[in-house]
Amino acid sequence: MQKENTTNIIIAGVGGQGNILASKILAQCARTQNLNVIVGEVFGVSQRGGSVTSQVRIGEGVLSPISVEHDCQIVLGLEPMEALRAATLYVKADGVVVTNVRMYPTIRVNMDKDKYPAIKEILGALENLCERIISFDATVLAEKAGGVVFTNMVLLGALSTVKRLNLSVKCYEDVISMVVPRSLDKNLKAFHMGRQECLL
């Protein structure tokens, strides 16, 4: 854990990608290991296709569900542009960004109200914001596990390899089994595929 014994995680994505479920699983993992945890509200348009960001704050010093700007140790991006948007506001210089590289343009992009940069530009910008980036096509692994819907589980698997978070693999497995018992085999397969991708 970091300053004031806290770790701040931002989960950023597009509505329909399972952002809220991912934050729920992460928070429950922390609770089962007897850690204090607060989940922040979801910001942005949570409808399918809109930007969605949630915060999970873990540690004894956590009193508020919202972390201050540039005080986030980890950004988990279900979508790369949303990862950059969150990292720009919140990630610390020594932070870690774990992100999918598969693009899911928001409603605003589809309406030509926002421009979507090339993935190379996004990753380059992220490199200037934090100490380490873990980036890969989580969606293709999710498809191999059973479908695009499991992308959030692939990324949770990748997140579980970040040492500063320090939550056990068994903890993730147990919570996933409890929270999403339907299609459990596929959810666990996706989780472990994400872990393996980052341990190679």
N, C-alpha and C. Protein backbone atom coordinates (compact mmCIF):
# COMPACT_ATOMS: atom_id res chain seq x y z
N MET A 1 0.83 -1.20 0.00
CA MET A 1 0.00 0.00 0.00
C MET A 1 0.87 1.26 0.00
N GLN A 2 0.27 2.37 -0.37
CA GLN A 2 1.03 3.59 -0.56
C GLN A 2 0.79 4.57 0.59
N LYS A 3 0.97 5.85 0.27
CA LYS A 3 0.80 6.92 1.24
C LYS A 3 -0.51 6.75 2.01
N GLU A 4 -0.42 6.95 3.35
CA GLU A 4 -1.57 6.78 4.23
C GLU A 4 -2.13 5.35 4.12
N ASN A 5 -1.23 4.42 3.70
CA ASN A 5 -1.63 3.01 3.63
C ASN A 5 -2.82 2.80 2.71
N THR A 6 -2.86 3.53 1.61
CA THR A 6 -3.99 3.41 0.68
C THR A 6 -3.50 3.11 -0.74
N THR A 7 -4.34 2.42 -1.48
CA THR A 7 -4.13 2.21 -2.90
C THR A 7 -5.39 2.63 -3.64
N ASN A 8 -5.24 3.51 -4.61
CA ASN A 8 -6.37 4.01 -5.38
C ASN A 8 -6.34 3.42 -6.79
N ILE A 9 -7.46 2.83 -7.21
CA ILE A 9 -7.57 2.23 -8.53
C ILE A 9 -8.74 2.87 -9.27
N ILE A 10 -8.49 3.29 -10.50
CA ILE A 10 -9.54 3.81 -11.37
C ILE A 10 -9.82 2.75 -12.43
N ILE A 11 -11.09 2.42 -12.63
CA ILE A 11 -11.48 1.51 -13.71
C ILE A 11 -12.27 2.33 -14.72
N ALA A 12 -11.75 2.37 -15.95
CA ALA A 12 -12.35 3.24 -16.98
C ALA A 12 -12.72 2.43 -18.21
N GLY A 13 -13.88 2.72 -18.75
CA GLY A 13 -14.32 2.01 -19.95
C GLY A 13 -15.52 2.68 -20.58
N VAL A 14 -16.19 1.91 -21.40
CA VAL A 14 -17.38 2.37 -22.11
C VAL A 14 -18.57 1.56 -21.60
N GLY A 15 -19.72 2.19 -21.48
CA GLY A 15 -20.91 1.51 -20.98
C GLY A 15 -21.17 0.20 -21.71
N GLY A 16 -21.41 -0.87 -20.95
CA GLY A 16 -21.66 -2.18 -21.54
C GLY A 16 -20.46 -3.11 -21.47
N GLN A 17 -19.29 -2.58 -21.00
CA GLN A 17 -18.09 -3.41 -20.94
C GLN A 17 -17.91 -4.13 -19.60
N GLY A 18 -18.77 -3.88 -18.65
CA GLY A 18 -18.65 -4.57 -17.36
C GLY A 18 -17.77 -3.86 -16.35
N ASN A 19 -17.70 -2.54 -16.46
CA ASN A 19 -16.92 -1.73 -15.54
C ASN A 19 -17.39 -1.91 -14.09
N ILE A 20 -18.68 -1.81 -13.87
CA ILE A 20 -19.22 -1.88 -12.51
C ILE A 20 -18.98 -3.26 -11.90
N LEU A 21 -19.13 -4.31 -12.71
CA LEU A 21 -18.88 -5.66 -12.22
C LEU A 21 -17.41 -5.82 -11.83
N ALA A 22 -16.51 -5.29 -12.64
CA ALA A 22 -15.08 -5.38 -12.33
C ALA A 22 -14.75 -4.69 -11.01
N SER A 23 -15.33 -3.50 -10.80
CA SER A 23 -15.06 -2.78 -9.56
C SER A 23 -15.66 -3.51 -8.36
N LYS A 24 -16.81 -4.14 -8.55
CA LYS A 24 -17.44 -4.91 -7.47
C LYS A 24 -16.57 -6.10 -7.08
N ILE A 25 -16.03 -6.81 -8.06
CA ILE A 25 -15.18 -7.97 -7.77
C ILE A 25 -13.90 -7.52 -7.08
N LEU A 26 -13.27 -6.46 -7.58
CA LEU A 26 -12.04 -5.97 -6.97
C LEU A 26 -12.26 -5.55 -5.52
N ALA A 27 -13.34 -4.83 -5.28
CA ALA A 27 -13.64 -4.38 -3.92
C ALA A 27 -13.91 -5.56 -2.99
N GLN A 28 -14.65 -6.54 -3.48
CA GLN A 28 -14.95 -7.71 -2.65
C GLN A 28 -13.69 -8.51 -2.34
N CYS A 29 -12.76 -8.57 -3.29
CA CYS A 29 -11.48 -9.23 -3.03
C CYS A 29 -10.76 -8.57 -1.86
N ALA A 30 -10.75 -7.25 -1.87
CA ALA A 30 -10.09 -6.51 -0.78
C ALA A 30 -10.78 -6.79 0.55
N ARG A 31 -12.11 -6.81 0.54
CA ARG A 31 -12.85 -7.05 1.78
C ARG A 31 -12.58 -8.45 2.33
N THR A 32 -12.50 -9.45 1.45
CA THR A 32 -12.27 -10.82 1.93
C THR A 32 -10.87 -10.98 2.51
N GLN A 33 -9.98 -10.05 2.22
CA GLN A 33 -8.65 -10.07 2.81
C GLN A 33 -8.54 -9.07 3.96
N ASN A 34 -9.74 -8.70 4.50
CA ASN A 34 -9.84 -7.84 5.68
C ASN A 34 -9.23 -6.45 5.47
N LEU A 35 -9.36 -5.94 4.26
CA LEU A 35 -8.89 -4.59 3.96
C LEU A 35 -10.08 -3.64 3.90
N ASN A 36 -9.87 -2.42 4.36
CA ASN A 36 -10.90 -1.40 4.25
C ASN A 36 -11.00 -0.96 2.79
N VAL A 37 -12.21 -0.88 2.27
CA VAL A 37 -12.37 -0.49 0.86
C VAL A 37 -13.63 0.33 0.67
N ILE A 38 -13.54 1.34 -0.18
CA ILE A 38 -14.68 2.16 -0.55
C ILE A 38 -14.73 2.23 -2.08
N VAL A 39 -15.91 2.02 -2.64
CA VAL A 39 -16.09 2.12 -4.08
C VAL A 39 -16.77 3.44 -4.39
N GLY A 40 -16.15 4.20 -5.28
CA GLY A 40 -16.72 5.49 -5.66
C GLY A 40 -17.90 5.33 -6.59
N GLU A 41 -18.63 6.40 -6.76
CA GLU A 41 -19.76 6.38 -7.69
C GLU A 41 -19.24 6.24 -9.12
N VAL A 42 -20.12 5.86 -9.99
CA VAL A 42 -19.78 5.77 -11.41
C VAL A 42 -20.04 7.12 -12.04
N PHE A 43 -19.08 7.61 -12.81
CA PHE A 43 -19.20 8.92 -13.44
C PHE A 43 -19.41 8.78 -14.94
N GLY A 44 -19.99 9.78 -15.53
CA GLY A 44 -20.21 9.77 -16.96
C GLY A 44 -21.54 9.12 -17.28
N VAL A 45 -21.75 8.89 -18.56
CA VAL A 45 -23.01 8.30 -19.02
C VAL A 45 -22.87 6.79 -18.98
N SER A 46 -23.60 6.15 -18.07
CA SER A 46 -23.42 4.72 -17.88
C SER A 46 -24.20 3.88 -18.89
N GLN A 47 -24.94 4.56 -19.79
CA GLN A 47 -25.65 3.80 -20.81
C GLN A 47 -24.65 3.16 -21.76
N ARG A 48 -25.08 2.16 -22.48
CA ARG A 48 -24.19 1.49 -23.42
C ARG A 48 -23.64 2.51 -24.43
N GLY A 49 -22.31 2.55 -24.52
CA GLY A 49 -21.67 3.46 -25.46
C GLY A 49 -21.18 4.75 -24.86
N GLY A 50 -21.48 5.03 -23.59
CA GLY A 50 -21.00 6.25 -22.94
C GLY A 50 -19.80 5.96 -22.05
N SER A 51 -19.03 6.98 -21.71
CA SER A 51 -17.88 6.83 -20.83
C SER A 51 -18.32 6.46 -19.42
N VAL A 52 -17.62 5.48 -18.82
CA VAL A 52 -17.92 5.05 -17.45
C VAL A 52 -16.62 4.94 -16.68
N THR A 53 -16.57 5.56 -15.52
CA THR A 53 -15.38 5.49 -14.66
C THR A 53 -15.81 5.23 -13.23
N SER A 54 -15.15 4.27 -12.59
CA SER A 54 -15.42 4.01 -11.18
C SER A 54 -14.10 3.96 -10.42
N GLN A 55 -14.17 4.18 -9.12
CA GLN A 55 -12.98 4.21 -8.29
C GLN A 55 -13.09 3.20 -7.18
N VAL A 56 -12.00 2.49 -6.94
CA VAL A 56 -11.91 1.56 -5.82
C VAL A 56 -10.72 2.01 -4.98
N ARG A 57 -11.00 2.36 -3.73
CA ARG A 57 -9.95 2.86 -2.83
C ARG A 57 -9.80 1.88 -1.68
N ILE A 58 -8.57 1.40 -1.49
CA ILE A 58 -8.29 0.36 -0.51
C ILE A 58 -7.27 0.86 0.50
N GLY A 59 -7.57 0.68 1.81
CA GLY A 59 -6.60 1.02 2.84
C GLY A 59 -7.23 1.68 4.05
N GLU A 60 -6.48 1.69 5.12
CA GLU A 60 -6.96 2.23 6.39
C GLU A 60 -7.21 3.72 6.31
N GLY A 61 -6.45 4.43 5.46
CA GLY A 61 -6.60 5.88 5.38
C GLY A 61 -7.73 6.35 4.50
N VAL A 62 -8.52 5.43 3.97
CA VAL A 62 -9.59 5.80 3.03
C VAL A 62 -10.83 6.25 3.78
N LEU A 63 -11.24 7.49 3.54
CA LEU A 63 -12.46 8.02 4.15
C LEU A 63 -13.47 8.46 3.09
N SER A 64 -12.98 8.78 1.92
CA SER A 64 -13.84 9.27 0.84
C SER A 64 -13.80 8.31 -0.34
N PRO A 65 -14.90 8.19 -1.09
CA PRO A 65 -14.90 7.32 -2.26
C PRO A 65 -14.20 7.92 -3.47
N ILE A 66 -13.78 9.17 -3.37
CA ILE A 66 -13.17 9.86 -4.50
C ILE A 66 -11.72 10.21 -4.18
N SER A 67 -10.80 9.79 -5.03
CA SER A 67 -9.40 10.15 -4.84
C SER A 67 -9.14 11.51 -5.48
N VAL A 68 -8.10 12.19 -4.99
CA VAL A 68 -7.76 13.49 -5.55
C VAL A 68 -6.99 13.28 -6.85
N GLU A 69 -6.89 14.33 -7.64
CA GLU A 69 -6.19 14.22 -8.92
C GLU A 69 -4.73 13.85 -8.73
N HIS A 70 -4.23 13.02 -9.62
CA HIS A 70 -2.83 12.57 -9.65
C HIS A 70 -2.43 11.85 -8.37
N ASP A 71 -3.37 11.10 -7.78
CA ASP A 71 -3.07 10.33 -6.58
C ASP A 71 -3.54 8.88 -6.74
N CYS A 72 -3.58 8.41 -7.97
CA CYS A 72 -4.06 7.06 -8.26
C CYS A 72 -2.87 6.19 -8.68
N GLN A 73 -2.69 5.07 -7.99
CA GLN A 73 -1.57 4.19 -8.29
C GLN A 73 -1.81 3.30 -9.50
N ILE A 74 -3.08 2.97 -9.77
CA ILE A 74 -3.39 2.03 -10.85
C ILE A 74 -4.61 2.51 -11.64
N VAL A 75 -4.49 2.47 -12.96
CA VAL A 75 -5.63 2.68 -13.85
C VAL A 75 -5.84 1.39 -14.63
N LEU A 76 -7.06 0.88 -14.58
CA LEU A 76 -7.44 -0.29 -15.37
C LEU A 76 -8.34 0.17 -16.49
N GLY A 77 -7.87 0.07 -17.72
CA GLY A 77 -8.64 0.56 -18.86
C GLY A 77 -9.27 -0.57 -19.64
N LEU A 78 -10.59 -0.63 -19.63
CA LEU A 78 -11.29 -1.60 -20.46
C LEU A 78 -11.27 -1.14 -21.92
N GLU A 79 -10.94 0.12 -22.11
CA GLU A 79 -10.91 0.74 -23.44
C GLU A 79 -9.77 1.77 -23.42
N PRO A 80 -8.90 1.81 -24.45
CA PRO A 80 -7.69 2.62 -24.35
C PRO A 80 -7.89 4.13 -24.24
N MET A 81 -8.81 4.71 -24.99
CA MET A 81 -9.02 6.16 -24.89
C MET A 81 -9.56 6.53 -23.51
N GLU A 82 -10.42 5.68 -22.97
CA GLU A 82 -10.95 5.93 -21.62
C GLU A 82 -9.86 5.77 -20.57
N ALA A 83 -8.92 4.84 -20.82
CA ALA A 83 -7.78 4.69 -19.92
C ALA A 83 -6.95 5.97 -19.92
N LEU A 84 -6.72 6.54 -21.11
CA LEU A 84 -5.94 7.78 -21.20
C LEU A 84 -6.68 8.93 -20.54
N ARG A 85 -7.98 9.00 -20.74
CA ARG A 85 -8.77 10.07 -20.14
C ARG A 85 -8.66 10.03 -18.61
N ALA A 86 -8.77 8.83 -18.04
CA ALA A 86 -8.67 8.68 -16.59
C ALA A 86 -7.25 8.92 -16.09
N ALA A 87 -6.27 8.38 -16.82
CA ALA A 87 -4.88 8.53 -16.40
C ALA A 87 -4.45 10.00 -16.41
N THR A 88 -4.90 10.75 -17.39
CA THR A 88 -4.53 12.16 -17.49
C THR A 88 -4.94 12.92 -16.23
N LEU A 89 -6.07 12.57 -15.68
CA LEU A 89 -6.56 13.25 -14.48
C LEU A 89 -6.03 12.66 -13.17
N TYR A 90 -5.85 11.36 -13.14
CA TYR A 90 -5.65 10.72 -11.84
C TYR A 90 -4.34 9.98 -11.60
N VAL A 91 -3.69 9.44 -12.62
CA VAL A 91 -2.57 8.56 -12.33
C VAL A 91 -1.36 9.31 -11.78
N LYS A 92 -0.65 8.66 -10.85
CA LYS A 92 0.58 9.22 -10.30
C LYS A 92 1.72 8.95 -11.28
N ALA A 93 2.79 9.72 -11.16
CA ALA A 93 3.93 9.55 -12.06
C ALA A 93 4.56 8.17 -11.93
N ASP A 94 4.47 7.55 -10.74
CA ASP A 94 5.02 6.21 -10.54
C ASP A 94 3.92 5.14 -10.61
N GLY A 95 2.80 5.50 -11.22
CA GLY A 95 1.66 4.58 -11.30
C GLY A 95 1.78 3.57 -12.43
N VAL A 96 0.78 2.68 -12.47
CA VAL A 96 0.71 1.62 -13.47
C VAL A 96 -0.62 1.74 -14.22
N VAL A 97 -0.57 1.61 -15.53
CA VAL A 97 -1.79 1.56 -16.34
C VAL A 97 -1.86 0.19 -17.00
N VAL A 98 -2.97 -0.51 -16.77
CA VAL A 98 -3.25 -1.79 -17.43
C VAL A 98 -4.40 -1.51 -18.39
N THR A 99 -4.18 -1.71 -19.69
CA THR A 99 -5.24 -1.35 -20.62
C THR A 99 -5.40 -2.30 -21.79
N ASN A 100 -6.64 -2.44 -22.20
CA ASN A 100 -6.99 -3.10 -23.44
C ASN A 100 -6.57 -2.17 -24.58
N VAL A 101 -6.12 -2.74 -25.71
CA VAL A 101 -5.79 -1.89 -26.86
C VAL A 101 -6.90 -1.90 -27.90
N ARG A 102 -7.93 -2.71 -27.68
CA ARG A 102 -9.06 -2.75 -28.62
C ARG A 102 -9.93 -1.52 -28.40
N MET A 103 -10.16 -0.77 -29.43
CA MET A 103 -10.90 0.48 -29.32
C MET A 103 -12.41 0.26 -29.41
N TYR A 104 -13.14 0.94 -28.52
CA TYR A 104 -14.60 0.95 -28.53
C TYR A 104 -15.03 2.40 -28.48
N PRO A 105 -15.14 3.05 -29.63
CA PRO A 105 -15.48 4.49 -29.64
C PRO A 105 -16.78 4.78 -28.90
N THR A 106 -16.77 5.89 -28.17
CA THR A 106 -17.97 6.30 -27.43
C THR A 106 -19.01 6.88 -28.39
N ILE A 107 -20.18 7.16 -27.84
CA ILE A 107 -21.25 7.78 -28.62
C ILE A 107 -20.77 9.10 -29.22
N ARG A 108 -20.00 9.87 -28.44
CA ARG A 108 -19.53 11.17 -28.92
C ARG A 108 -18.60 11.01 -30.13
N VAL A 109 -17.78 9.98 -30.13
CA VAL A 109 -16.90 9.73 -31.28
C VAL A 109 -17.73 9.33 -32.49
N ASN A 110 -18.70 8.45 -32.26
CA ASN A 110 -19.56 7.99 -33.35
C ASN A 110 -20.41 9.11 -33.95
N MET A 111 -20.65 10.15 -33.14
CA MET A 111 -21.41 11.31 -33.62
C MET A 111 -20.49 12.41 -34.16
N ASP A 112 -19.18 12.09 -34.29
CA ASP A 112 -18.18 13.04 -34.78
C ASP A 112 -18.03 14.27 -33.89
N LYS A 113 -18.34 14.12 -32.59
CA LYS A 113 -18.15 15.22 -31.65
C LYS A 113 -16.78 15.14 -30.98
N ASP A 114 -16.17 13.97 -30.98
CA ASP A 114 -14.82 13.76 -30.46
C ASP A 114 -14.02 13.03 -31.53
N LYS A 115 -12.71 13.30 -31.53
CA LYS A 115 -11.82 12.59 -32.45
C LYS A 115 -11.13 11.46 -31.69
N TYR A 116 -10.99 10.31 -32.35
CA TYR A 116 -10.32 9.18 -31.71
C TYR A 116 -8.90 9.08 -32.28
N PRO A 117 -7.87 9.26 -31.42
CA PRO A 117 -6.49 9.17 -31.91
C PRO A 117 -6.10 7.74 -32.24
N ALA A 118 -5.00 7.56 -32.95
CA ALA A 118 -4.47 6.23 -33.23
C ALA A 118 -4.00 5.60 -31.93
N ILE A 119 -4.06 4.27 -31.84
CA ILE A 119 -3.69 3.57 -30.62
C ILE A 119 -2.24 3.86 -30.25
N LYS A 120 -1.38 4.03 -31.25
CA LYS A 120 0.04 4.34 -30.98
C LYS A 120 0.16 5.68 -30.25
N GLU A 121 -0.67 6.64 -30.63
CA GLU A 121 -0.65 7.94 -29.95
C GLU A 121 -1.13 7.81 -28.52
N ILE A 122 -2.16 7.01 -28.30
CA ILE A 122 -2.70 6.83 -26.95
C ILE A 122 -1.65 6.20 -26.04
N LEU A 123 -1.01 5.13 -26.52
CA LEU A 123 0.00 4.45 -25.71
C LEU A 123 1.20 5.36 -25.46
N GLY A 124 1.57 6.16 -26.45
CA GLY A 124 2.67 7.10 -26.27
C GLY A 124 2.35 8.13 -25.20
N ALA A 125 1.12 8.61 -25.20
CA ALA A 125 0.70 9.59 -24.19
C ALA A 125 0.69 8.95 -22.80
N LEU A 126 0.24 7.71 -22.72
CA LEU A 126 0.24 7.01 -21.43
C LEU A 126 1.65 6.82 -20.89
N GLU A 127 2.60 6.53 -21.78
CA GLU A 127 3.99 6.35 -21.36
C GLU A 127 4.55 7.59 -20.70
N ASN A 128 4.04 8.75 -21.10
CA ASN A 128 4.51 10.01 -20.51
C ASN A 128 3.84 10.33 -19.19
N LEU A 129 2.81 9.57 -18.84
CA LEU A 129 2.05 9.87 -17.64
C LEU A 129 2.39 8.97 -16.45
N CYS A 130 2.91 7.77 -16.71
CA CYS A 130 3.09 6.82 -15.62
C CYS A 130 4.39 6.05 -15.78
N GLU A 131 4.68 5.23 -14.80
CA GLU A 131 5.94 4.48 -14.77
C GLU A 131 5.89 3.23 -15.63
N ARG A 132 4.72 2.58 -15.67
CA ARG A 132 4.63 1.29 -16.37
C ARG A 132 3.28 1.13 -17.05
N ILE A 133 3.30 0.57 -18.26
CA ILE A 133 2.07 0.27 -18.97
C ILE A 133 2.04 -1.21 -19.30
N ILE A 134 0.89 -1.83 -19.05
CA ILE A 134 0.63 -3.20 -19.50
C ILE A 134 -0.49 -3.07 -20.53
N SER A 135 -0.19 -3.32 -21.79
CA SER A 135 -1.20 -3.15 -22.83
C SER A 135 -1.21 -4.37 -23.75
N PHE A 136 -2.41 -4.82 -24.07
CA PHE A 136 -2.57 -5.97 -24.96
C PHE A 136 -4.03 -6.02 -25.41
N ASP A 137 -4.31 -6.86 -26.40
CA ASP A 137 -5.68 -6.99 -26.89
C ASP A 137 -6.44 -7.97 -26.00
N ALA A 138 -7.07 -7.43 -24.98
CA ALA A 138 -7.82 -8.27 -24.04
C ALA A 138 -9.07 -8.85 -24.69
N THR A 139 -9.60 -8.16 -25.67
CA THR A 139 -10.83 -8.61 -26.32
C THR A 139 -10.62 -9.90 -27.08
N VAL A 140 -9.48 -10.03 -27.75
CA VAL A 140 -9.22 -11.26 -28.50
C VAL A 140 -9.09 -12.45 -27.56
N LEU A 141 -8.52 -12.24 -26.39
CA LEU A 141 -8.43 -13.32 -25.40
C LEU A 141 -9.82 -13.66 -24.86
N ALA A 142 -10.63 -12.63 -24.65
CA ALA A 142 -12.00 -12.86 -24.17
C ALA A 142 -12.79 -13.69 -25.18
N GLU A 143 -12.60 -13.40 -26.44
CA GLU A 143 -13.29 -14.17 -27.48
C GLU A 143 -12.87 -15.64 -27.44
N LYS A 144 -11.61 -15.89 -27.17
CA LYS A 144 -11.12 -17.27 -27.05
C LYS A 144 -11.69 -17.96 -25.81
N ALA A 145 -11.95 -17.16 -24.77
CA ALA A 145 -12.49 -17.73 -23.53
C ALA A 145 -13.99 -18.00 -23.64
N GLY A 146 -14.66 -17.34 -24.59
CA GLY A 146 -16.09 -17.58 -24.72
C GLY A 146 -16.90 -16.43 -25.25
N GLY A 147 -16.29 -15.24 -25.35
CA GLY A 147 -17.04 -14.10 -25.89
C GLY A 147 -16.50 -12.77 -25.39
N VAL A 148 -16.81 -11.71 -26.14
CA VAL A 148 -16.36 -10.36 -25.81
C VAL A 148 -16.79 -9.95 -24.40
N VAL A 149 -17.90 -10.48 -23.94
CA VAL A 149 -18.43 -10.12 -22.63
C VAL A 149 -17.45 -10.43 -21.49
N PHE A 150 -16.47 -11.29 -21.74
CA PHE A 150 -15.52 -11.66 -20.70
C PHE A 150 -14.26 -10.80 -20.71
N THR A 151 -14.27 -9.71 -21.48
CA THR A 151 -13.09 -8.84 -21.55
C THR A 151 -12.73 -8.27 -20.18
N ASN A 152 -13.73 -7.92 -19.39
CA ASN A 152 -13.43 -7.38 -18.06
C ASN A 152 -12.71 -8.40 -17.18
N MET A 153 -13.04 -9.69 -17.35
CA MET A 153 -12.37 -10.72 -16.57
C MET A 153 -10.93 -10.90 -17.01
N VAL A 154 -10.69 -10.80 -18.32
CA VAL A 154 -9.31 -10.87 -18.83
C VAL A 154 -8.48 -9.76 -18.20
N LEU A 155 -9.04 -8.56 -18.15
CA LEU A 155 -8.31 -7.42 -17.61
C LEU A 155 -8.14 -7.49 -16.09
N LEU A 156 -9.11 -8.09 -15.41
CA LEU A 156 -8.92 -8.34 -13.97
C LEU A 156 -7.77 -9.31 -13.75
N GLY A 157 -7.65 -10.30 -14.64
CA GLY A 157 -6.53 -11.22 -14.56
C GLY A 157 -5.20 -10.49 -14.73
N ALA A 158 -5.16 -9.58 -15.69
CA ALA A 158 -3.95 -8.78 -15.89
C ALA A 158 -3.66 -7.91 -14.67
N LEU A 159 -4.71 -7.31 -14.12
CA LEU A 159 -4.56 -6.47 -12.93
C LEU A 159 -4.01 -7.27 -11.75
N SER A 160 -4.39 -8.53 -11.65
CA SER A 160 -3.96 -9.35 -10.52
C SER A 160 -2.46 -9.59 -10.50
N THR A 161 -1.77 -9.30 -11.62
CA THR A 161 -0.32 -9.47 -11.66
C THR A 161 0.44 -8.24 -11.16
N VAL A 162 -0.28 -7.15 -10.92
CA VAL A 162 0.36 -5.92 -10.44
C VAL A 162 0.67 -6.09 -8.95
N LYS A 163 1.96 -6.18 -8.63
CA LYS A 163 2.38 -6.56 -7.27
C LYS A 163 1.94 -5.58 -6.20
N ARG A 164 1.89 -4.30 -6.53
CA ARG A 164 1.56 -3.33 -5.49
C ARG A 164 0.12 -3.47 -4.98
N LEU A 165 -0.73 -4.16 -5.74
CA LEU A 165 -2.11 -4.38 -5.29
C LEU A 165 -2.16 -5.48 -4.23
N ASN A 166 -1.36 -6.53 -4.40
CA ASN A 166 -1.15 -7.55 -3.37
C ASN A 166 -2.43 -8.25 -2.91
N LEU A 167 -3.27 -8.66 -3.86
CA LEU A 167 -4.44 -9.47 -3.55
C LEU A 167 -4.20 -10.86 -4.14
N SER A 168 -4.54 -11.91 -3.39
CA SER A 168 -4.20 -13.26 -3.82
C SER A 168 -5.05 -13.72 -5.01
N VAL A 169 -4.47 -14.60 -5.80
CA VAL A 169 -5.18 -15.18 -6.95
C VAL A 169 -6.41 -15.95 -6.47
N LYS A 170 -6.25 -16.69 -5.38
CA LYS A 170 -7.38 -17.47 -4.84
C LYS A 170 -8.52 -16.55 -4.45
N CYS A 171 -8.18 -15.38 -3.93
CA CYS A 171 -9.20 -14.41 -3.56
C CYS A 171 -10.03 -14.02 -4.78
N TYR A 172 -9.36 -13.70 -5.88
CA TYR A 172 -10.08 -13.37 -7.12
C TYR A 172 -10.96 -14.54 -7.55
N GLU A 173 -10.40 -15.73 -7.54
CA GLU A 173 -11.15 -16.92 -7.98
C GLU A 173 -12.40 -17.12 -7.14
N ASP A 174 -12.25 -16.98 -5.82
CA ASP A 174 -13.38 -17.19 -4.92
C ASP A 174 -14.47 -16.14 -5.14
N VAL A 175 -14.05 -14.90 -5.30
CA VAL A 175 -15.03 -13.81 -5.47
C VAL A 175 -15.72 -13.93 -6.83
N ILE A 176 -14.98 -14.25 -7.87
CA ILE A 176 -15.59 -14.44 -9.19
C ILE A 176 -16.61 -15.56 -9.12
N SER A 177 -16.27 -16.63 -8.42
CA SER A 177 -17.20 -17.77 -8.27
C SER A 177 -18.47 -17.36 -7.56
N MET A 178 -18.35 -16.45 -6.61
CA MET A 178 -19.50 -16.01 -5.83
C MET A 178 -20.34 -14.98 -6.58
N VAL A 179 -19.68 -14.05 -7.28
CA VAL A 179 -20.38 -12.93 -7.90
C VAL A 179 -20.97 -13.29 -9.27
N VAL A 180 -20.26 -14.11 -10.03
CA VAL A 180 -20.75 -14.49 -11.36
C VAL A 180 -20.74 -16.02 -11.52
N PRO A 181 -21.61 -16.69 -10.79
CA PRO A 181 -21.64 -18.16 -10.86
C PRO A 181 -22.06 -18.70 -12.23
N ARG A 182 -22.84 -17.91 -12.96
CA ARG A 182 -23.21 -18.32 -14.31
C ARG A 182 -22.00 -18.20 -15.23
N SER A 183 -21.80 -19.14 -16.11
CA SER A 183 -20.65 -19.16 -17.02
C SER A 183 -19.34 -19.07 -16.24
N LEU A 184 -19.30 -19.73 -15.09
CA LEU A 184 -18.14 -19.62 -14.22
C LEU A 184 -16.87 -20.11 -14.91
N ASP A 185 -16.95 -21.22 -15.61
CA ASP A 185 -15.76 -21.75 -16.28
C ASP A 185 -15.16 -20.73 -17.25
N LYS A 186 -16.04 -20.06 -17.99
CA LYS A 186 -15.57 -19.08 -18.98
C LYS A 186 -14.99 -17.84 -18.29
N ASN A 187 -15.64 -17.42 -17.19
CA ASN A 187 -15.13 -16.27 -16.45
C ASN A 187 -13.74 -16.56 -15.88
N LEU A 188 -13.57 -17.73 -15.30
CA LEU A 188 -12.27 -18.09 -14.72
C LEU A 188 -11.23 -18.31 -15.81
N LYS A 189 -11.63 -18.88 -16.92
CA LYS A 189 -10.71 -19.07 -18.03
C LYS A 189 -10.21 -17.72 -18.53
N ALA A 190 -11.13 -16.76 -18.68
CA ALA A 190 -10.76 -15.42 -19.13
C ALA A 190 -9.81 -14.76 -18.14
N PHE A 191 -10.11 -14.88 -16.86
CA PHE A 191 -9.26 -14.30 -15.81
C PHE A 191 -7.84 -14.85 -15.92
N HIS A 192 -7.72 -16.17 -16.02
CA HIS A 192 -6.39 -16.78 -16.06
C HIS A 192 -5.66 -16.52 -17.38
N MET A 193 -6.41 -16.34 -18.47
CA MET A 193 -5.76 -15.96 -19.73
C MET A 193 -5.14 -14.57 -19.62
N GLY A 194 -5.84 -13.66 -18.93
CA GLY A 194 -5.28 -12.32 -18.71
C GLY A 194 -4.05 -12.35 -17.84
N ARG A 195 -4.08 -13.18 -16.80
CA ARG A 195 -2.90 -13.34 -15.93
C ARG A 195 -1.71 -13.87 -16.74
N GLN A 196 -1.98 -14.93 -17.49
CA GLN A 196 -0.90 -15.56 -18.25
C GLN A 196 -0.28 -14.61 -19.26
N GLU A 197 -1.11 -13.80 -19.89
CA GLU A 197 -0.61 -12.83 -20.87
C GLU A 197 0.42 -11.90 -20.25
N CYS A 198 0.21 -11.54 -18.99
CA CYS A 198 1.08 -10.58 -18.33
C CYS A 198 2.25 -11.22 -17.60
N LEU A 199 2.19 -12.54 -17.42
CA LEU A 199 3.27 -13.25 -16.74
C LEU A 199 4.30 -13.80 -17.72
N LEU A 200 3.97 -13.74 -19.01
CA LEU A 200 4.88 -14.27 -20.04
C LEU A 200 6.17 -13.46 -20.10
